[in-house]
Amino acid sequence: LIEEAQMGVGAYLVSVVGGVETLAATVAVLAGFKKAMGGLWVGGTALLAPTYIQFRSNSLNNLFHSEPYYIKIPLSEIRDVRRKGGFVSGIIYLETPHGSMKLRCFKADEFLNQINEAISAT
């Protein structure tokens, strides 16, 4: 979940094909999602390295968001990491002194354990 995610050119083009009403509806729905969830879910890949965790948005999401997202968090800056629900996939919550991030992923418990082990090893 990225708080500052914005709709990009690709999303506008798809909406414009449907007409002005579709564009207005798309903007309103995304604004509602962003307000309710505190950001927009952006698809991509999370990678855990020995000293950091990173998230990189995928090609499809790069098309529909205003910019590609690349976030790299040193493990030494993670103050809190925990599982926060999720229906089909789990949500991992990461908190740093600079802000927080949520990762939605399959096998969230396994990934959470790996993150905690990596933090303990640093």
N, C-alpha and C. Protein backbone atom coordinates (compact mmCIF):
# COMPACT_ATOMS: atom_id res chain seq x y z
N LEU A 1 0.86 -1.17 0.00
CA LEU A 1 0.00 0.00 0.00
C LEU A 1 0.90 1.22 0.00
N ILE A 2 0.76 2.06 -0.98
CA ILE A 2 1.59 3.25 -1.10
C ILE A 2 0.70 4.48 -0.92
N GLU A 3 0.98 5.24 0.14
CA GLU A 3 0.13 6.38 0.49
C GLU A 3 0.06 7.42 -0.60
N GLU A 4 1.19 7.70 -1.26
CA GLU A 4 1.20 8.79 -2.23
C GLU A 4 0.98 8.33 -3.67
N ALA A 5 0.53 7.09 -3.88
CA ALA A 5 0.28 6.59 -5.23
C ALA A 5 -0.76 7.44 -5.94
N GLN A 6 -0.51 7.72 -7.21
CA GLN A 6 -1.40 8.54 -8.02
C GLN A 6 -1.73 7.81 -9.33
N MET A 7 -2.92 8.05 -9.85
CA MET A 7 -3.33 7.49 -11.13
C MET A 7 -2.46 8.08 -12.23
N GLY A 8 -2.01 7.25 -13.16
CA GLY A 8 -1.12 7.70 -14.23
C GLY A 8 -1.81 7.77 -15.58
N VAL A 9 -1.02 8.04 -16.60
CA VAL A 9 -1.51 8.24 -17.96
C VAL A 9 -2.27 7.03 -18.47
N GLY A 10 -1.76 5.82 -18.22
CA GLY A 10 -2.43 4.60 -18.69
C GLY A 10 -3.85 4.49 -18.16
N ALA A 11 -4.03 4.79 -16.89
CA ALA A 11 -5.38 4.74 -16.30
C ALA A 11 -6.28 5.79 -16.91
N TYR A 12 -5.75 6.97 -17.17
CA TYR A 12 -6.54 8.02 -17.80
C TYR A 12 -6.96 7.61 -19.22
N LEU A 13 -6.03 7.01 -19.97
CA LEU A 13 -6.34 6.61 -21.34
C LEU A 13 -7.43 5.55 -21.37
N VAL A 14 -7.34 4.55 -20.51
CA VAL A 14 -8.37 3.51 -20.44
C VAL A 14 -9.71 4.13 -20.08
N SER A 15 -9.71 5.06 -19.13
CA SER A 15 -10.95 5.70 -18.70
C SER A 15 -11.54 6.59 -19.78
N VAL A 16 -10.70 7.29 -20.53
CA VAL A 16 -11.16 8.20 -21.57
C VAL A 16 -11.88 7.42 -22.68
N VAL A 17 -11.41 6.20 -22.97
CA VAL A 17 -12.05 5.37 -23.98
C VAL A 17 -13.52 5.16 -23.62
N GLY A 18 -13.81 5.05 -22.33
CA GLY A 18 -15.18 4.87 -21.87
C GLY A 18 -15.98 6.15 -21.82
N GLY A 19 -15.36 7.29 -22.05
CA GLY A 19 -16.05 8.57 -22.04
C GLY A 19 -15.81 9.35 -20.76
N VAL A 20 -16.30 10.56 -20.75
CA VAL A 20 -16.11 11.47 -19.62
C VAL A 20 -16.67 10.90 -18.33
N GLU A 21 -17.84 10.24 -18.43
CA GLU A 21 -18.45 9.67 -17.23
C GLU A 21 -17.55 8.59 -16.62
N THR A 22 -16.94 7.76 -17.49
CA THR A 22 -16.05 6.70 -17.00
C THR A 22 -14.83 7.30 -16.33
N LEU A 23 -14.26 8.34 -16.91
CA LEU A 23 -13.10 9.00 -16.31
C LEU A 23 -13.47 9.58 -14.95
N ALA A 24 -14.57 10.27 -14.86
CA ALA A 24 -15.00 10.86 -13.59
C ALA A 24 -15.25 9.77 -12.55
N ALA A 25 -15.87 8.67 -12.97
CA ALA A 25 -16.14 7.57 -12.05
C ALA A 25 -14.84 6.93 -11.57
N THR A 26 -13.89 6.74 -12.49
CA THR A 26 -12.59 6.14 -12.13
C THR A 26 -11.86 7.01 -11.11
N VAL A 27 -11.81 8.29 -11.35
CA VAL A 27 -11.15 9.21 -10.43
C VAL A 27 -11.84 9.18 -9.07
N ALA A 28 -13.16 9.17 -9.06
CA ALA A 28 -13.92 9.14 -7.79
C ALA A 28 -13.70 7.85 -7.03
N VAL A 29 -13.71 6.72 -7.73
CA VAL A 29 -13.52 5.41 -7.07
C VAL A 29 -12.11 5.33 -6.49
N LEU A 30 -11.11 5.72 -7.25
CA LEU A 30 -9.73 5.67 -6.74
C LEU A 30 -9.53 6.61 -5.55
N ALA A 31 -10.16 7.77 -5.60
CA ALA A 31 -10.07 8.71 -4.48
C ALA A 31 -10.72 8.10 -3.24
N GLY A 32 -11.84 7.40 -3.44
CA GLY A 32 -12.51 6.73 -2.32
C GLY A 32 -11.67 5.62 -1.73
N PHE A 33 -11.06 4.79 -2.61
CA PHE A 33 -10.17 3.72 -2.13
C PHE A 33 -9.01 4.30 -1.35
N LYS A 34 -8.41 5.34 -1.91
CA LYS A 34 -7.23 5.95 -1.29
C LYS A 34 -7.58 6.50 0.09
N LYS A 35 -8.74 7.14 0.19
CA LYS A 35 -9.16 7.71 1.48
C LYS A 35 -9.45 6.59 2.49
N ALA A 36 -10.16 5.57 2.06
CA ALA A 36 -10.55 4.48 2.96
C ALA A 36 -9.36 3.64 3.42
N MET A 37 -8.41 3.40 2.51
CA MET A 37 -7.30 2.51 2.84
C MET A 37 -6.01 3.25 3.21
N GLY A 38 -6.00 4.55 3.02
CA GLY A 38 -4.79 5.31 3.32
C GLY A 38 -3.75 5.27 2.22
N GLY A 39 -4.15 4.85 1.03
CA GLY A 39 -3.23 4.76 -0.11
C GLY A 39 -3.82 3.81 -1.13
N LEU A 40 -3.02 3.48 -2.14
CA LEU A 40 -3.46 2.54 -3.17
C LEU A 40 -2.55 1.32 -3.17
N TRP A 41 -3.13 0.16 -3.40
CA TRP A 41 -2.32 -1.06 -3.54
C TRP A 41 -1.65 -0.99 -4.90
N VAL A 42 -0.36 -1.24 -4.91
CA VAL A 42 0.45 -1.22 -6.13
C VAL A 42 1.08 -2.59 -6.27
N GLY A 43 0.83 -3.28 -7.37
CA GLY A 43 1.39 -4.60 -7.59
C GLY A 43 2.88 -4.53 -7.90
N GLY A 44 3.60 -5.51 -7.42
CA GLY A 44 5.02 -5.54 -7.68
C GLY A 44 5.69 -6.68 -6.95
N THR A 45 6.99 -6.54 -6.72
CA THR A 45 7.79 -7.59 -6.10
C THR A 45 8.53 -7.05 -4.90
N ALA A 46 8.42 -7.79 -3.80
CA ALA A 46 9.20 -7.46 -2.60
C ALA A 46 10.38 -8.42 -2.55
N LEU A 47 11.54 -7.91 -2.22
CA LEU A 47 12.76 -8.70 -2.14
C LEU A 47 13.41 -8.46 -0.79
N LEU A 48 13.75 -9.52 -0.11
CA LEU A 48 14.46 -9.42 1.16
C LEU A 48 15.92 -9.75 0.92
N ALA A 49 16.80 -8.81 1.24
CA ALA A 49 18.25 -9.00 1.14
C ALA A 49 18.82 -9.02 2.56
N PRO A 50 20.08 -9.38 2.74
CA PRO A 50 20.65 -9.46 4.09
C PRO A 50 20.58 -8.17 4.90
N THR A 51 20.57 -6.99 4.24
CA THR A 51 20.58 -5.73 4.99
C THR A 51 19.41 -4.79 4.68
N TYR A 52 18.53 -5.19 3.74
CA TYR A 52 17.41 -4.32 3.39
C TYR A 52 16.26 -5.14 2.82
N ILE A 53 15.10 -4.50 2.75
CA ILE A 53 13.95 -5.04 2.04
C ILE A 53 13.57 -4.00 1.00
N GLN A 54 13.22 -4.45 -0.19
CA GLN A 54 12.85 -3.49 -1.23
C GLN A 54 11.55 -3.91 -1.90
N PHE A 55 10.86 -2.93 -2.45
CA PHE A 55 9.66 -3.15 -3.23
C PHE A 55 9.84 -2.42 -4.54
N ARG A 56 9.49 -3.10 -5.62
CA ARG A 56 9.55 -2.50 -6.95
C ARG A 56 8.23 -2.79 -7.66
N SER A 57 7.57 -1.75 -8.15
CA SER A 57 6.30 -1.94 -8.85
C SER A 57 6.53 -2.68 -10.16
N ASN A 58 5.51 -3.45 -10.58
CA ASN A 58 5.65 -4.21 -11.83
C ASN A 58 5.26 -3.35 -13.04
N SER A 59 5.53 -3.88 -14.23
CA SER A 59 5.31 -3.13 -15.48
C SER A 59 3.86 -2.68 -15.65
N LEU A 60 2.91 -3.57 -15.36
CA LEU A 60 1.50 -3.20 -15.53
C LEU A 60 1.13 -2.04 -14.61
N ASN A 61 1.57 -2.09 -13.37
CA ASN A 61 1.27 -1.00 -12.44
C ASN A 61 2.01 0.27 -12.82
N ASN A 62 3.19 0.15 -13.40
CA ASN A 62 3.91 1.35 -13.86
C ASN A 62 3.10 2.08 -14.93
N LEU A 63 2.35 1.31 -15.72
CA LEU A 63 1.51 1.90 -16.76
C LEU A 63 0.35 2.69 -16.19
N PHE A 64 -0.23 2.19 -15.08
CA PHE A 64 -1.45 2.78 -14.55
C PHE A 64 -1.23 3.75 -13.39
N HIS A 65 0.00 3.88 -12.92
CA HIS A 65 0.29 4.83 -11.86
C HIS A 65 1.16 5.95 -12.42
N SER A 66 1.21 7.05 -11.71
CA SER A 66 1.90 8.23 -12.24
C SER A 66 3.41 8.05 -12.33
N GLU A 67 3.95 7.08 -11.62
CA GLU A 67 5.39 6.83 -11.67
C GLU A 67 5.67 5.41 -11.20
N PRO A 68 6.82 4.85 -11.63
CA PRO A 68 7.19 3.54 -11.07
C PRO A 68 7.61 3.73 -9.61
N TYR A 69 7.32 2.75 -8.81
CA TYR A 69 7.66 2.85 -7.39
C TYR A 69 8.79 1.90 -7.04
N TYR A 70 9.78 2.44 -6.38
CA TYR A 70 10.92 1.66 -5.89
C TYR A 70 11.19 2.14 -4.48
N ILE A 71 11.05 1.24 -3.53
CA ILE A 71 11.26 1.59 -2.13
C ILE A 71 12.27 0.62 -1.55
N LYS A 72 13.29 1.14 -0.92
CA LYS A 72 14.33 0.32 -0.30
C LYS A 72 14.45 0.75 1.16
N ILE A 73 14.23 -0.21 2.08
CA ILE A 73 14.27 0.08 3.51
C ILE A 73 15.38 -0.72 4.17
N PRO A 74 16.37 -0.05 4.75
CA PRO A 74 17.39 -0.78 5.51
C PRO A 74 16.74 -1.50 6.69
N LEU A 75 17.11 -2.74 6.92
CA LEU A 75 16.53 -3.51 8.02
C LEU A 75 16.77 -2.83 9.35
N SER A 76 17.89 -2.12 9.47
CA SER A 76 18.22 -1.43 10.72
C SER A 76 17.23 -0.32 11.06
N GLU A 77 16.45 0.13 10.07
CA GLU A 77 15.48 1.21 10.30
C GLU A 77 14.08 0.68 10.62
N ILE A 78 13.87 -0.62 10.53
CA ILE A 78 12.55 -1.17 10.80
C ILE A 78 12.34 -1.24 12.31
N ARG A 79 11.32 -0.52 12.79
CA ARG A 79 11.01 -0.44 14.22
C ARG A 79 9.93 -1.44 14.63
N ASP A 80 9.08 -1.80 13.66
CA ASP A 80 8.00 -2.73 13.94
C ASP A 80 7.68 -3.47 12.66
N VAL A 81 7.49 -4.77 12.77
CA VAL A 81 7.06 -5.58 11.64
C VAL A 81 6.09 -6.63 12.18
N ARG A 82 4.90 -6.71 11.55
CA ARG A 82 3.91 -7.66 12.04
C ARG A 82 2.90 -7.99 10.95
N ARG A 83 2.16 -9.05 11.18
CA ARG A 83 1.11 -9.49 10.27
C ARG A 83 -0.16 -8.72 10.61
N LYS A 84 -0.84 -8.24 9.58
CA LYS A 84 -2.10 -7.52 9.79
C LYS A 84 -3.17 -8.11 8.88
N GLY A 85 -3.75 -9.19 9.30
CA GLY A 85 -4.89 -9.76 8.59
C GLY A 85 -4.67 -10.08 7.13
N GLY A 86 -5.68 -9.84 6.36
CA GLY A 86 -5.68 -10.20 4.95
C GLY A 86 -6.64 -11.34 4.72
N PHE A 87 -7.28 -11.38 3.59
CA PHE A 87 -8.28 -12.41 3.32
C PHE A 87 -7.64 -13.58 2.57
N VAL A 88 -7.35 -13.44 1.31
CA VAL A 88 -6.71 -14.50 0.54
C VAL A 88 -5.20 -14.43 0.73
N SER A 89 -4.69 -13.24 0.69
CA SER A 89 -3.25 -13.04 0.92
C SER A 89 -3.09 -12.26 2.22
N GLY A 90 -1.94 -12.42 2.85
CA GLY A 90 -1.69 -11.73 4.11
C GLY A 90 -1.09 -10.35 3.90
N ILE A 91 -1.12 -9.55 4.94
CA ILE A 91 -0.55 -8.21 4.89
C ILE A 91 0.55 -8.12 5.94
N ILE A 92 1.72 -7.68 5.51
CA ILE A 92 2.84 -7.46 6.42
C ILE A 92 3.01 -5.95 6.57
N TYR A 93 2.99 -5.50 7.81
CA TYR A 93 3.11 -4.07 8.13
C TYR A 93 4.54 -3.80 8.57
N LEU A 94 5.19 -2.84 7.94
CA LEU A 94 6.55 -2.42 8.30
C LEU A 94 6.51 -0.97 8.75
N GLU A 95 7.12 -0.67 9.88
CA GLU A 95 7.18 0.71 10.36
C GLU A 95 8.63 1.13 10.54
N THR A 96 8.94 2.34 10.07
CA THR A 96 10.27 2.92 10.23
C THR A 96 10.10 4.32 10.82
N PRO A 97 11.19 4.97 11.20
CA PRO A 97 11.08 6.35 11.68
C PRO A 97 10.54 7.31 10.61
N HIS A 98 10.61 6.90 9.34
CA HIS A 98 10.21 7.77 8.23
C HIS A 98 8.79 7.52 7.74
N GLY A 99 8.15 6.46 8.21
CA GLY A 99 6.80 6.14 7.76
C GLY A 99 6.57 4.64 7.81
N SER A 100 5.47 4.22 7.22
CA SER A 100 5.12 2.80 7.24
C SER A 100 4.79 2.31 5.84
N MET A 101 4.78 1.01 5.69
CA MET A 101 4.48 0.38 4.41
C MET A 101 3.76 -0.93 4.69
N LYS A 102 2.84 -1.28 3.82
CA LYS A 102 2.14 -2.56 3.93
C LYS A 102 2.42 -3.36 2.66
N LEU A 103 2.77 -4.63 2.85
CA LEU A 103 3.00 -5.54 1.74
C LEU A 103 1.92 -6.61 1.77
N ARG A 104 1.19 -6.76 0.70
CA ARG A 104 0.19 -7.83 0.60
C ARG A 104 0.85 -8.96 -0.18
N CYS A 105 0.88 -10.15 0.42
CA CYS A 105 1.56 -11.26 -0.25
C CYS A 105 1.02 -12.62 0.20
N PHE A 106 1.23 -13.61 -0.67
CA PHE A 106 0.94 -14.98 -0.32
C PHE A 106 2.08 -15.48 0.57
N LYS A 107 1.80 -16.45 1.42
CA LYS A 107 2.78 -16.99 2.36
C LYS A 107 3.35 -15.88 3.25
N ALA A 108 2.47 -14.99 3.69
CA ALA A 108 2.89 -13.83 4.48
C ALA A 108 3.58 -14.25 5.78
N ASP A 109 3.07 -15.29 6.44
CA ASP A 109 3.69 -15.72 7.69
C ASP A 109 5.13 -16.17 7.48
N GLU A 110 5.36 -16.91 6.39
CA GLU A 110 6.71 -17.37 6.06
C GLU A 110 7.63 -16.19 5.77
N PHE A 111 7.13 -15.23 4.98
CA PHE A 111 7.94 -14.05 4.64
C PHE A 111 8.20 -13.20 5.88
N LEU A 112 7.21 -13.08 6.75
CA LEU A 112 7.36 -12.34 7.99
C LEU A 112 8.46 -12.97 8.85
N ASN A 113 8.46 -14.28 8.95
CA ASN A 113 9.52 -14.97 9.71
C ASN A 113 10.90 -14.71 9.12
N GLN A 114 10.99 -14.72 7.81
CA GLN A 114 12.27 -14.44 7.13
C GLN A 114 12.74 -13.00 7.42
N ILE A 115 11.80 -12.07 7.41
CA ILE A 115 12.15 -10.67 7.71
C ILE A 115 12.66 -10.56 9.14
N ASN A 116 11.94 -11.17 10.08
CA ASN A 116 12.37 -11.13 11.48
C ASN A 116 13.72 -11.77 11.69
N GLU A 117 13.99 -12.87 11.02
CA GLU A 117 15.31 -13.54 11.11
C GLU A 117 16.40 -12.63 10.56
N ALA A 118 16.13 -11.96 9.43
CA ALA A 118 17.11 -11.07 8.83
C ALA A 118 17.38 -9.87 9.73
N ILE A 119 16.33 -9.33 10.35
CA ILE A 119 16.51 -8.21 11.28
C ILE A 119 17.36 -8.64 12.46
N SER A 120 17.10 -9.82 13.00
CA SER A 120 17.88 -10.34 14.14
C SER A 120 19.34 -10.56 13.79
N ALA A 121 19.61 -10.88 12.53
CA ALA A 121 20.98 -11.16 12.10
C ALA A 121 21.80 -9.90 11.83
N THR A 122 21.12 -8.73 11.74
CA THR A 122 21.88 -7.50 11.44
C THR A 122 22.39 -6.83 12.70
